[in-house]
Amino acid sequence: MRNWYSQTRQAFYFSLMFYIGATILLLLKVSIAPILFSFSLLVSMIWVFLVMREIMFSPRITNIERLLLLIFIILLNILAGIVYFFLLRNKVIGDPKK
């Protein structure tokens, strides 16, 4: 699980950065904004799959918690990512430095 720890967080931050950039460009009515938004959706799918992998292989949570987390991550994407990375990730995978 340690090998994927930083890659998952990195993919989330890239996705968040592209969402913010695409939103700003959409507000400014720049023609490349839909392309950037599409790219942010692709990067978002990558981190969602990585988070789903973390959740599924975690021995620290129950099956009910696993199911609820998966539904939460899939339905609320970026908002769920913020909550997951800042509040729930330590419970799911523990401290990777140990």
C-alpha atoms as a PDB file:
ATOM      1  CA  MET A   1       0.000   0.000   0.000  1.00  0.00           C
ATOM      2  CA  ARG A   2       2.943   2.346   0.630  1.00  0.00           C
ATOM      3  CA  ASN A   3       3.963   2.423  -3.038  1.00  0.00           C
ATOM      4  CA  TRP A   4       0.646   3.993  -4.049  1.00  0.00           C
ATOM      5  CA  TYR A   5       0.351   6.443  -1.145  1.00  0.00           C
ATOM      6  CA  SER A   6       1.897   9.506  -2.783  1.00  0.00           C
ATOM      7  CA  GLN A   7       0.628   8.719  -6.287  1.00  0.00           C
ATOM      8  CA  THR A   8      -2.973   8.749  -5.099  1.00  0.00           C
ATOM      9  CA  ARG A   9      -2.566  12.091  -3.364  1.00  0.00           C
ATOM     10  CA  GLN A  10      -0.723  13.515  -6.366  1.00  0.00           C
ATOM     11  CA  ALA A  11      -3.465  12.449  -8.776  1.00  0.00           C
ATOM     12  CA  PHE A  12      -6.053  14.112  -6.535  1.00  0.00           C
ATOM     13  CA  TYR A  13      -4.102  17.373  -6.396  1.00  0.00           C
ATOM     14  CA  PHE A  14      -3.642  17.402 -10.172  1.00  0.00           C
ATOM     15  CA  SER A  15      -7.351  16.795 -10.631  1.00  0.00           C
ATOM     16  CA  LEU A  16      -8.215  19.590  -8.214  1.00  0.00           C
ATOM     17  CA  MET A  17      -5.798  21.954  -9.972  1.00  0.00           C
ATOM     18  CA  PHE A  18      -7.303  21.191 -13.387  1.00  0.00           C
ATOM     19  CA  TYR A  19     -10.873  21.599 -12.084  1.00  0.00           C
ATOM     20  CA  ILE A  20     -10.014  25.012 -10.639  1.00  0.00           C
ATOM     21  CA  GLY A  21      -8.218  26.051 -13.820  1.00  0.00           C
ATOM     22  CA  ALA A  22     -11.065  24.870 -16.042  1.00  0.00           C
ATOM     23  CA  THR A  23     -13.628  26.678 -13.902  1.00  0.00           C
ATOM     24  CA  ILE A  24     -11.676  29.927 -14.097  1.00  0.00           C
ATOM     25  CA  LEU A  25     -11.295  29.569 -17.850  1.00  0.00           C
ATOM     26  CA  LEU A  26     -15.009  28.799 -18.227  1.00  0.00           C
ATOM     27  CA  LEU A  27     -15.851  31.969 -16.313  1.00  0.00           C
ATOM     28  CA  LEU A  28     -13.493  33.940 -18.579  1.00  0.00           C
ATOM     29  CA  LYS A  29     -15.059  32.251 -21.640  1.00  0.00           C
ATOM     30  CA  VAL A  30     -11.763  30.957 -23.000  1.00  0.00           C
ATOM     31  CA  SER A  31     -12.243  28.465 -25.826  1.00  0.00           C
ATOM     32  CA  ILE A  32      -9.869  25.822 -24.415  1.00  0.00           C
ATOM     33  CA  ALA A  33     -11.828  25.519 -21.131  1.00  0.00           C
ATOM     34  CA  PRO A  34     -13.971  22.505 -22.175  1.00  0.00           C
ATOM     35  CA  ILE A  35     -10.835  20.598 -23.168  1.00  0.00           C
ATOM     36  CA  LEU A  36      -9.197  21.349 -19.822  1.00  0.00           C
ATOM     37  CA  PHE A  37     -12.400  20.335 -18.041  1.00  0.00           C
ATOM     38  CA  SER A  38     -12.431  17.022 -19.943  1.00  0.00           C
ATOM     39  CA  PHE A  39      -8.811  16.431 -18.981  1.00  0.00           C
ATOM     40  CA  SER A  40      -9.631  17.137 -15.337  1.00  0.00           C
ATOM     41  CA  LEU A  41     -12.403  14.511 -15.506  1.00  0.00           C
ATOM     42  CA  LEU A  42      -9.892  11.977 -16.834  1.00  0.00           C
ATOM     43  CA  VAL A  43      -7.387  12.715 -14.070  1.00  0.00           C
ATOM     44  CA  SER A  44     -10.261  12.569 -11.590  1.00  0.00           C
ATOM     45  CA  MET A  45     -11.121   9.050 -12.745  1.00  0.00           C
ATOM     46  CA  ILE A  46      -7.521   8.011 -12.140  1.00  0.00           C
ATOM     47  CA  TRP A  47      -7.476   9.158  -8.520  1.00  0.00           C
ATOM     48  CA  VAL A  48     -10.947   7.692  -7.920  1.00  0.00           C
ATOM     49  CA  PHE A  49      -9.676   4.277  -9.056  1.00  0.00           C
ATOM     50  CA  LEU A  50      -6.581   4.625  -6.867  1.00  0.00           C
ATOM     51  CA  VAL A  51      -8.711   5.552  -3.848  1.00  0.00           C
ATOM     52  CA  MET A  52     -11.074   2.665  -4.566  1.00  0.00           C
ATOM     53  CA  ARG A  53      -8.021   0.381  -4.567  1.00  0.00           C
ATOM     54  CA  GLU A  54      -6.928   1.753  -1.179  1.00  0.00           C
ATOM     55  CA  ILE A  55     -10.396   1.234   0.251  1.00  0.00           C
ATOM     56  CA  MET A  56     -10.823  -2.289  -1.098  1.00  0.00           C
ATOM     57  CA  PHE A  57      -7.442  -3.533   0.169  1.00  0.00           C
ATOM     58  CA  SER A  58      -7.673  -1.886   3.583  1.00  0.00           C
ATOM     59  CA  PRO A  59      -7.800  -4.354   6.492  1.00  0.00           C
ATOM     60  CA  ARG A  60      -8.616  -1.524   8.912  1.00  0.00           C
ATOM     61  CA  ILE A  61     -12.253  -0.894   7.936  1.00  0.00           C
ATOM     62  CA  THR A  62     -15.389  -3.033   7.896  1.00  0.00           C
ATOM     63  CA  ASN A  63     -17.288  -4.033   4.771  1.00  0.00           C
ATOM     64  CA  ILE A  64     -20.101  -1.571   5.556  1.00  0.00           C
ATOM     65  CA  GLU A  65     -17.591   1.279   5.918  1.00  0.00           C
ATOM     66  CA  ARG A  66     -15.957   0.124   2.691  1.00  0.00           C
ATOM     67  CA  LEU A  67     -19.267   0.242   0.810  1.00  0.00           C
ATOM     68  CA  LEU A  68     -20.224   3.649   2.211  1.00  0.00           C
ATOM     69  CA  LEU A  69     -16.810   5.099   1.365  1.00  0.00           C
ATOM     70  CA  LEU A  70     -16.974   3.782  -2.187  1.00  0.00           C
ATOM     71  CA  ILE A  71     -20.417   5.292  -2.746  1.00  0.00           C
ATOM     72  CA  PHE A  72     -19.269   8.567  -1.161  1.00  0.00           C
ATOM     73  CA  ILE A  73     -16.145   8.782  -3.371  1.00  0.00           C
ATOM     74  CA  ILE A  74     -17.982   7.900  -6.590  1.00  0.00           C
ATOM     75  CA  LEU A  75     -20.931  10.245  -6.114  1.00  0.00           C
ATOM     76  CA  LEU A  76     -19.268  13.323  -4.630  1.00  0.00           C
ATOM     77  CA  ASN A  77     -15.920  13.178  -6.473  1.00  0.00           C
ATOM     78  CA  ILE A  78     -13.923  16.342  -5.580  1.00  0.00           C
ATOM     79  CA  LEU A  79     -15.789  17.153  -2.360  1.00  0.00           C
ATOM     80  CA  ALA A  80     -15.399  13.535  -1.253  1.00  0.00           C
ATOM     81  CA  GLY A  81     -11.710  13.682  -2.183  1.00  0.00           C
ATOM     82  CA  ILE A  82     -11.146  16.651   0.100  1.00  0.00           C
ATOM     83  CA  VAL A  83     -12.941  14.923   2.975  1.00  0.00           C
ATOM     84  CA  TYR A  84     -11.164  11.617   2.303  1.00  0.00           C
ATOM     85  CA  PHE A  85      -7.639  13.007   2.114  1.00  0.00           C
ATOM     86  CA  PHE A  86      -7.919  15.351   5.076  1.00  0.00           C
ATOM     87  CA  LEU A  87     -10.169  13.370   7.448  1.00  0.00           C
ATOM     88  CA  LEU A  88     -10.627   9.710   6.506  1.00  0.00           C
ATOM     89  CA  ARG A  89      -7.434   8.458   4.864  1.00  0.00           C
ATOM     90  CA  ASN A  90      -5.506   7.826   8.087  1.00  0.00           C
ATOM     91  CA  LYS A  91      -8.334   5.584   9.290  1.00  0.00           C
ATOM     92  CA  VAL A  92      -8.421   3.664   6.006  1.00  0.00           C
ATOM     93  CA  ILE A  93      -4.723   3.015   5.408  1.00  0.00           C
ATOM     94  CA  GLY A  94      -3.045   4.140   8.620  1.00  0.00           C
ATOM     95  CA  ASP A  95       0.291   5.908   8.813  1.00  0.00           C
ATOM     96  CA  PRO A  96       2.412   4.913   5.770  1.00  0.00           C
ATOM     97  CA  LYS A  97       5.651   5.823   7.562  1.00  0.00           C
ATOM     98  CA  LYS A  98       5.352   2.917  10.030  1.00  0.00           C
END
